[in-house]
Amino acid sequence: MRHQLVDHPIRTLATQLALAFGFMLSASGQSGTFWENGRTWLGSTGWILFLLTALGFLVSLIYLVVRRSRARRTA
């Protein structure tokens, strides 16, 4: 994953954002939505996956910023 992140940072971060957005849209079993009669565990799983994907995005972004700032300092 680190090799992919370093070689293609924009593509990797965009993929993580798209996954997070997709997981955020899973509203199965949530009241007040079109899918309120769906399985509640599916909506809960989607929410947890959204949080994990968002955390992964933030960690990747921080990693890239720190790596870039260190590279400028040593050059």
PDB file of N, CA and C in Angstrom:
ATOM      1  N   MET A   1       0.834  -1.192   0.000  1.00  0.00           N
ATOM      2  CA  MET A   1       0.000   0.000   0.000  1.00  0.00           C
ATOM      3  C   MET A   1       0.871   1.246   0.000  1.00  0.00           C
ATOM      4  N   ARG A   2       1.988   1.222   0.746  1.00  0.00           N
ATOM      5  CA  ARG A   2       2.826   2.397   0.815  1.00  0.00           C
ATOM      6  C   ARG A   2       3.419   2.718  -0.550  1.00  0.00           C
ATOM      7  N   HIS A   3       3.805   1.688  -1.296  1.00  0.00           N
ATOM      8  CA  HIS A   3       4.357   1.898  -2.629  1.00  0.00           C
ATOM      9  C   HIS A   3       3.327   2.569  -3.528  1.00  0.00           C
ATOM     10  N   GLN A   4       2.094   2.109  -3.478  1.00  0.00           N
ATOM     11  CA  GLN A   4       1.009   2.697  -4.265  1.00  0.00           C
ATOM     12  C   GLN A   4       0.752   4.135  -3.824  1.00  0.00           C
ATOM     13  N   LEU A   5       0.798   4.390  -2.535  1.00  0.00           N
ATOM     14  CA  LEU A   5       0.539   5.728  -2.008  1.00  0.00           C
ATOM     15  C   LEU A   5       1.618   6.707  -2.441  1.00  0.00           C
ATOM     16  N   VAL A   6       2.858   6.271  -2.439  1.00  0.00           N
ATOM     17  CA  VAL A   6       3.964   7.161  -2.796  1.00  0.00           C
ATOM     18  C   VAL A   6       4.010   7.399  -4.299  1.00  0.00           C
ATOM     19  N   ASP A   7       3.767   6.360  -5.104  1.00  0.00           N
ATOM     20  CA  ASP A   7       3.857   6.505  -6.549  1.00  0.00           C
ATOM     21  C   ASP A   7       2.645   7.210  -7.161  1.00  0.00           C
ATOM     22  N   HIS A   8       1.467   6.979  -6.623  1.00  0.00           N
ATOM     23  CA  HIS A   8       0.238   7.557  -7.168  1.00  0.00           C
ATOM     24  C   HIS A   8      -0.612   8.147  -6.039  1.00  0.00           C
ATOM     25  N   PRO A   9      -0.184   9.253  -5.442  1.00  0.00           N
ATOM     26  CA  PRO A   9      -0.913   9.770  -4.279  1.00  0.00           C
ATOM     27  C   PRO A   9      -2.308  10.281  -4.611  1.00  0.00           C
ATOM     28  N   ILE A  10      -2.475  10.956  -5.729  1.00  0.00           N
ATOM     29  CA  ILE A  10      -3.787  11.509  -6.073  1.00  0.00           C
ATOM     30  C   ILE A  10      -4.783  10.388  -6.340  1.00  0.00           C
ATOM     31  N   ARG A  11      -4.354   9.375  -7.077  1.00  0.00           N
ATOM     32  CA  ARG A  11      -5.239   8.253  -7.393  1.00  0.00           C
ATOM     33  C   ARG A  11      -5.642   7.501  -6.127  1.00  0.00           C
ATOM     34  N   THR A  12      -4.693   7.301  -5.221  1.00  0.00           N
ATOM     35  CA  THR A  12      -4.973   6.577  -3.982  1.00  0.00           C
ATOM     36  C   THR A  12      -5.935   7.358  -3.093  1.00  0.00           C
ATOM     37  N   LEU A  13      -5.690   8.652  -2.928  1.00  0.00           N
ATOM     38  CA  LEU A  13      -6.567   9.473  -2.088  1.00  0.00           C
ATOM     39  C   LEU A  13      -7.954   9.618  -2.706  1.00  0.00           C
ATOM     40  N   ALA A  14      -8.025   9.720  -4.022  1.00  0.00           N
ATOM     41  CA  ALA A  14      -9.326   9.819  -4.683  1.00  0.00           C
ATOM     42  C   ALA A  14     -10.126   8.528  -4.508  1.00  0.00           C
ATOM     43  N   THR A  15      -9.446   7.398  -4.574  1.00  0.00           N
ATOM     44  CA  THR A  15     -10.116   6.113  -4.367  1.00  0.00           C
ATOM     45  C   THR A  15     -10.635   6.001  -2.938  1.00  0.00           C
ATOM     46  N   GLN A  16      -9.840   6.445  -1.981  1.00  0.00           N
ATOM     47  CA  GLN A  16     -10.279   6.407  -0.592  1.00  0.00           C
ATOM     48  C   GLN A  16     -11.481   7.324  -0.372  1.00  0.00           C
ATOM     49  N   LEU A  17     -11.486   8.489  -0.997  1.00  0.00           N
ATOM     50  CA  LEU A  17     -12.631   9.390  -0.871  1.00  0.00           C
ATOM     51  C   LEU A  17     -13.881   8.791  -1.509  1.00  0.00           C
ATOM     52  N   ALA A  18     -13.724   8.148  -2.657  1.00  0.00           N
ATOM     53  CA  ALA A  18     -14.872   7.529  -3.315  1.00  0.00           C
ATOM     54  C   ALA A  18     -15.438   6.390  -2.460  1.00  0.00           C
ATOM     55  N   LEU A  19     -14.572   5.593  -1.870  1.00  0.00           N
ATOM     56  CA  LEU A  19     -15.029   4.523  -0.978  1.00  0.00           C
ATOM     57  C   LEU A  19     -15.750   5.092   0.240  1.00  0.00           C
ATOM     58  N   ALA A  20     -15.182   6.133   0.831  1.00  0.00           N
ATOM     59  CA  ALA A  20     -15.811   6.741   2.002  1.00  0.00           C
ATOM     60  C   ALA A  20     -17.189   7.302   1.646  1.00  0.00           C
ATOM     61  N   PHE A  21     -17.294   7.932   0.491  1.00  0.00           N
ATOM     62  CA  PHE A  21     -18.582   8.474   0.063  1.00  0.00           C
ATOM     63  C   PHE A  21     -19.598   7.354  -0.156  1.00  0.00           C
ATOM     64  N   GLY A  22     -19.161   6.267  -0.773  1.00  0.00           N
ATOM     65  CA  GLY A  22     -20.047   5.130  -0.993  1.00  0.00           C
ATOM     66  C   GLY A  22     -20.521   4.503   0.306  1.00  0.00           C
ATOM     67  N   PHE A  23     -19.615   4.371   1.263  1.00  0.00           N
ATOM     68  CA  PHE A  23     -19.998   3.808   2.556  1.00  0.00           C
ATOM     69  C   PHE A  23     -20.901   4.760   3.328  1.00  0.00           C
ATOM     70  N   MET A  24     -20.699   6.060   3.144  1.00  0.00           N
ATOM     71  CA  MET A  24     -21.526   7.037   3.842  1.00  0.00           C
ATOM     72  C   MET A  24     -22.981   6.963   3.360  1.00  0.00           C
ATOM     73  N   LEU A  25     -23.178   6.586   2.104  1.00  0.00           N
ATOM     74  CA  LEU A  25     -24.520   6.533   1.541  1.00  0.00           C
ATOM     75  C   LEU A  25     -25.319   5.322   1.999  1.00  0.00           C
ATOM     76  N   SER A  26     -24.669   4.368   2.635  1.00  0.00           N
ATOM     77  CA  SER A  26     -25.407   3.181   3.080  1.00  0.00           C
ATOM     78  C   SER A  26     -26.231   3.556   4.308  1.00  0.00           C
ATOM     79  N   ALA A  27     -27.528   3.685   4.110  1.00  0.00           N
ATOM     80  CA  ALA A  27     -28.429   4.121   5.176  1.00  0.00           C
ATOM     81  C   ALA A  27     -29.474   3.065   5.468  1.00  0.00           C
ATOM     82  N   SER A  28     -29.158   1.816   5.235  1.00  0.00           N
ATOM     83  CA  SER A  28     -30.124   0.741   5.439  1.00  0.00           C
ATOM     84  C   SER A  28     -30.513   0.651   6.908  1.00  0.00           C
ATOM     85  N   GLY A  29     -31.806   0.653   7.173  1.00  0.00           N
ATOM     86  CA  GLY A  29     -32.300   0.523   8.536  1.00  0.00           C
ATOM     87  C   GLY A  29     -32.349   1.813   9.325  1.00  0.00           C
ATOM     88  N   GLN A  30     -31.952   2.928   8.733  1.00  0.00           N
ATOM     89  CA  GLN A  30     -31.966   4.206   9.433  1.00  0.00           C
ATOM     90  C   GLN A  30     -33.330   4.856   9.256  1.00  0.00           C
ATOM     91  N   SER A  31     -33.900   5.346  10.333  1.00  0.00           N
ATOM     92  CA  SER A  31     -35.229   5.949  10.252  1.00  0.00           C
ATOM     93  C   SER A  31     -35.200   7.238   9.437  1.00  0.00           C
ATOM     94  N   GLY A  32     -36.279   7.481   8.720  1.00  0.00           N
ATOM     95  CA  GLY A  32     -36.384   8.692   7.918  1.00  0.00           C
ATOM     96  C   GLY A  32     -35.718   8.590   6.558  1.00  0.00           C
ATOM     97  N   THR A  33     -35.308   7.419   6.143  1.00  0.00           N
ATOM     98  CA  THR A  33     -34.682   7.244   4.845  1.00  0.00           C
ATOM     99  C   THR A  33     -35.529   6.298   3.994  1.00  0.00           C
ATOM    100  N   PHE A  34     -35.200   6.218   2.734  1.00  0.00           N
ATOM    101  CA  PHE A  34     -35.921   5.336   1.827  1.00  0.00           C
ATOM    102  C   PHE A  34     -35.752   3.869   2.234  1.00  0.00           C
ATOM    103  N   TRP A  35     -34.621   3.543   2.824  1.00  0.00           N
ATOM    104  CA  TRP A  35     -34.300   2.163   3.183  1.00  0.00           C
ATOM    105  C   TRP A  35     -34.598   1.846   4.638  1.00  0.00           C
ATOM    106  N   GLU A  36     -35.545   2.532   5.272  1.00  0.00           N
ATOM    107  CA  GLU A  36     -35.774   2.342   6.701  1.00  0.00           C
ATOM    108  C   GLU A  36     -36.291   0.954   7.053  1.00  0.00           C
ATOM    109  N   ASN A  37     -36.814   0.210   6.083  1.00  0.00           N
ATOM    110  CA  ASN A  37     -37.261  -1.153   6.357  1.00  0.00           C
ATOM    111  C   ASN A  37     -36.169  -2.182   6.093  1.00  0.00           C
ATOM    112  N   GLY A  38     -34.976  -1.741   5.781  1.00  0.00           N
ATOM    113  CA  GLY A  38     -33.868  -2.647   5.490  1.00  0.00           C
ATOM    114  C   GLY A  38     -33.208  -3.157   6.757  1.00  0.00           C
ATOM    115  N   ARG A  39     -32.185  -3.891   6.576  1.00  0.00           N
ATOM    116  CA  ARG A  39     -31.420  -4.463   7.694  1.00  0.00           C
ATOM    117  C   ARG A  39     -30.621  -3.371   8.405  1.00  0.00           C
ATOM    118  N   THR A  40     -30.746  -3.304   9.709  1.00  0.00           N
ATOM    119  CA  THR A  40     -30.021  -2.276  10.463  1.00  0.00           C
ATOM    120  C   THR A  40     -28.533  -2.591  10.542  1.00  0.00           C
ATOM    121  N   TRP A  41     -28.165  -3.863  10.548  1.00  0.00           N
ATOM    122  CA  TRP A  41     -26.745  -4.213  10.635  1.00  0.00           C
ATOM    123  C   TRP A  41     -25.996  -3.776   9.379  1.00  0.00           C
ATOM    124  N   LEU A  42     -26.698  -3.717   8.252  1.00  0.00           N
ATOM    125  CA  LEU A  42     -26.064  -3.280   7.019  1.00  0.00           C
ATOM    126  C   LEU A  42     -25.718  -1.790   7.093  1.00  0.00           C
ATOM    127  N   GLY A  43     -26.629  -0.986   7.617  1.00  0.00           N
ATOM    128  CA  GLY A  43     -26.357   0.438   7.782  1.00  0.00           C
ATOM    129  C   GLY A  43     -25.255   0.692   8.800  1.00  0.00           C
ATOM    130  N   SER A  44     -25.248  -0.100   9.875  1.00  0.00           N
ATOM    131  CA  SER A  44     -24.206   0.055  10.898  1.00  0.00           C
ATOM    132  C   SER A  44     -22.843  -0.337  10.348  1.00  0.00           C
ATOM    133  N   THR A  45     -22.812  -1.406   9.569  1.00  0.00           N
ATOM    134  CA  THR A  45     -21.554  -1.828   8.957  1.00  0.00           C
ATOM    135  C   THR A  45     -21.043  -0.772   7.984  1.00  0.00           C
ATOM    136  N   GLY A  46     -21.940  -0.190   7.192  1.00  0.00           N
ATOM    137  CA  GLY A  46     -21.551   0.874   6.277  1.00  0.00           C
ATOM    138  C   GLY A  46     -21.006   2.086   7.008  1.00  0.00           C
ATOM    139  N   TRP A  47     -21.609   2.419   8.134  1.00  0.00           N
ATOM    140  CA  TRP A  47     -21.140   3.574   8.912  1.00  0.00           C
ATOM    141  C   TRP A  47     -19.752   3.312   9.490  1.00  0.00           C
ATOM    142  N   ILE A  48     -19.533   2.123  10.023  1.00  0.00           N
ATOM    143  CA  ILE A  48     -18.222   1.782  10.577  1.00  0.00           C
ATOM    144  C   ILE A  48     -17.160   1.780   9.468  1.00  0.00           C
ATOM    145  N   LEU A  49     -17.504   1.228   8.299  1.00  0.00           N
ATOM    146  CA  LEU A  49     -16.558   1.229   7.182  1.00  0.00           C
ATOM    147  C   LEU A  49     -16.278   2.648   6.703  1.00  0.00           C
ATOM    148  N   PHE A  50     -17.285   3.521   6.727  1.00  0.00           N
ATOM    149  CA  PHE A  50     -17.059   4.924   6.380  1.00  0.00           C
ATOM    150  C   PHE A  50     -16.062   5.563   7.337  1.00  0.00           C
ATOM    151  N   LEU A  51     -16.253   5.337   8.638  1.00  0.00           N
ATOM    152  CA  LEU A  51     -15.342   5.920   9.617  1.00  0.00           C
ATOM    153  C   LEU A  51     -13.916   5.407   9.442  1.00  0.00           C
ATOM    154  N   LEU A  52     -13.773   4.109   9.195  1.00  0.00           N
ATOM    155  CA  LEU A  52     -12.440   3.532   8.995  1.00  0.00           C
ATOM    156  C   LEU A  52     -11.792   4.053   7.715  1.00  0.00           C
ATOM    157  N   THR A  53     -12.573   4.196   6.661  1.00  0.00           N
ATOM    158  CA  THR A  53     -12.035   4.714   5.406  1.00  0.00           C
ATOM    159  C   THR A  53     -11.641   6.183   5.551  1.00  0.00           C
ATOM    160  N   ALA A  54     -12.453   6.954   6.251  1.00  0.00           N
ATOM    161  CA  ALA A  54     -12.118   8.364   6.487  1.00  0.00           C
ATOM    162  C   ALA A  54     -10.851   8.486   7.333  1.00  0.00           C
ATOM    163  N   LEU A  55     -10.709   7.625   8.327  1.00  0.00           N
ATOM    164  CA  LEU A  55      -9.493   7.629   9.136  1.00  0.00           C
ATOM    165  C   LEU A  55      -8.283   7.253   8.289  1.00  0.00           C
ATOM    166  N   GLY A  56      -8.429   6.249   7.436  1.00  0.00           N
ATOM    167  CA  GLY A  56      -7.332   5.867   6.543  1.00  0.00           C
ATOM    168  C   GLY A  56      -6.944   6.987   5.601  1.00  0.00           C
ATOM    169  N   PHE A  57      -7.940   7.730   5.122  1.00  0.00           N
ATOM    170  CA  PHE A  57      -7.661   8.880   4.256  1.00  0.00           C
ATOM    171  C   PHE A  57      -6.857   9.934   4.998  1.00  0.00           C
ATOM    172  N   LEU A  58      -7.266  10.246   6.217  1.00  0.00           N
ATOM    173  CA  LEU A  58      -6.547  11.262   6.993  1.00  0.00           C
ATOM    174  C   LEU A  58      -5.124  10.830   7.324  1.00  0.00           C
ATOM    175  N   VAL A  59      -4.947   9.568   7.688  1.00  0.00           N
ATOM    176  CA  VAL A  59      -3.602   9.064   7.988  1.00  0.00           C
ATOM    177  C   VAL A  59      -2.728   9.110   6.741  1.00  0.00           C
ATOM    178  N   SER A  60      -3.274   8.734   5.599  1.00  0.00           N
ATOM    179  CA  SER A  60      -2.518   8.776   4.341  1.00  0.00           C
ATOM    180  C   SER A  60      -2.142  10.203   3.977  1.00  0.00           C
ATOM    181  N   LEU A  61      -3.067  11.119   4.164  1.00  0.00           N
ATOM    182  CA  LEU A  61      -2.808  12.520   3.850  1.00  0.00           C
ATOM    183  C   LEU A  61      -1.715  13.085   4.757  1.00  0.00           C
ATOM    184  N   ILE A  62      -1.781  12.785   6.037  1.00  0.00           N
ATOM    185  CA  ILE A  62      -0.750  13.249   6.978  1.00  0.00           C
ATOM    186  C   ILE A  62       0.604  12.640   6.626  1.00  0.00           C
ATOM    187  N   TYR A  63       0.607  11.365   6.258  1.00  0.00           N
ATOM    188  CA  TYR A  63       1.850  10.696   5.860  1.00  0.00           C
ATOM    189  C   TYR A  63       2.479  11.399   4.657  1.00  0.00           C
ATOM    190  N   LEU A  64       1.653  11.731   3.667  1.00  0.00           N
ATOM    191  CA  LEU A  64       2.181  12.394   2.473  1.00  0.00           C
ATOM    192  C   LEU A  64       2.710  13.789   2.781  1.00  0.00           C
ATOM    193  N   VAL A  65       2.025  14.523   3.640  1.00  0.00           N
ATOM    194  CA  VAL A  65       2.473  15.869   3.995  1.00  0.00           C
ATOM    195  C   VAL A  65       3.802  15.810   4.750  1.00  0.00           C
ATOM    196  N   VAL A  66       3.910  14.895   5.701  1.00  0.00           N
ATOM    197  CA  VAL A  66       5.159  14.762   6.460  1.00  0.00           C
ATOM    198  C   VAL A  66       6.289  14.304   5.549  1.00  0.00           C
ATOM    199  N   ARG A  67       6.013  13.361   4.673  1.00  0.00           N
ATOM    200  CA  ARG A  67       7.043  12.864   3.753  1.00  0.00           C
ATOM    201  C   ARG A  67       7.534  13.974   2.827  1.00  0.00           C
ATOM    202  N   ARG A  68       6.596  14.774   2.326  1.00  0.00           N
ATOM    203  CA  ARG A  68       6.982  15.865   1.424  1.00  0.00           C
ATOM    204  C   ARG A  68       7.775  16.939   2.159  1.00  0.00           C
ATOM    205  N   SER A  69       7.386  17.247   3.401  1.00  0.00           N
ATOM    206  CA  SER A  69       8.116  18.279   4.142  1.00  0.00           C
ATOM    207  C   SER A  69       9.515  17.795   4.521  1.00  0.00           C
ATOM    208  N   ARG A  70       9.659  16.506   4.829  1.00  0.00           N
ATOM    209  CA  ARG A  70      11.007  15.963   5.112  1.00  0.00           C
ATOM    210  C   ARG A  70      11.876  15.938   3.870  1.00  0.00           C
ATOM    211  N   ALA A  71      11.282  15.653   2.727  1.00  0.00           N
ATOM    212  CA  ALA A  71      12.043  15.613   1.488  1.00  0.00           C
ATOM    213  C   ALA A  71      12.568  17.005   1.127  1.00  0.00           C
ATOM    214  N   ARG A  72      11.781  18.020   1.398  1.00  0.00           N
ATOM    215  CA  ARG A  72      12.225  19.388   1.109  1.00  0.00           C
ATOM    216  C   ARG A  72      13.324  19.822   2.066  1.00  0.00           C
ATOM    217  N   ARG A  73      13.246  19.356   3.302  1.00  0.00           N
ATOM    218  CA  ARG A  73      14.242  19.732   4.300  1.00  0.00           C
ATOM    219  C   ARG A  73      15.603  19.125   3.989  1.00  0.00           C
ATOM    220  N   THR A  74      15.623  17.893   3.515  1.00  0.00           N
ATOM    221  CA  THR A  74      16.898  17.211   3.260  1.00  0.00           C
ATOM    222  C   THR A  74      17.488  17.584   1.926  1.00  0.00           C
ATOM    223  N   ALA A  75      16.699  18.114   1.009  1.00  0.00           N
ATOM    224  CA  ALA A  75      17.216  18.444  -0.328  1.00  0.00           C
ATOM    225  C   ALA A  75      17.924  19.759  -0.375  1.00  0.00           C
TER     226      ALA A  75
END
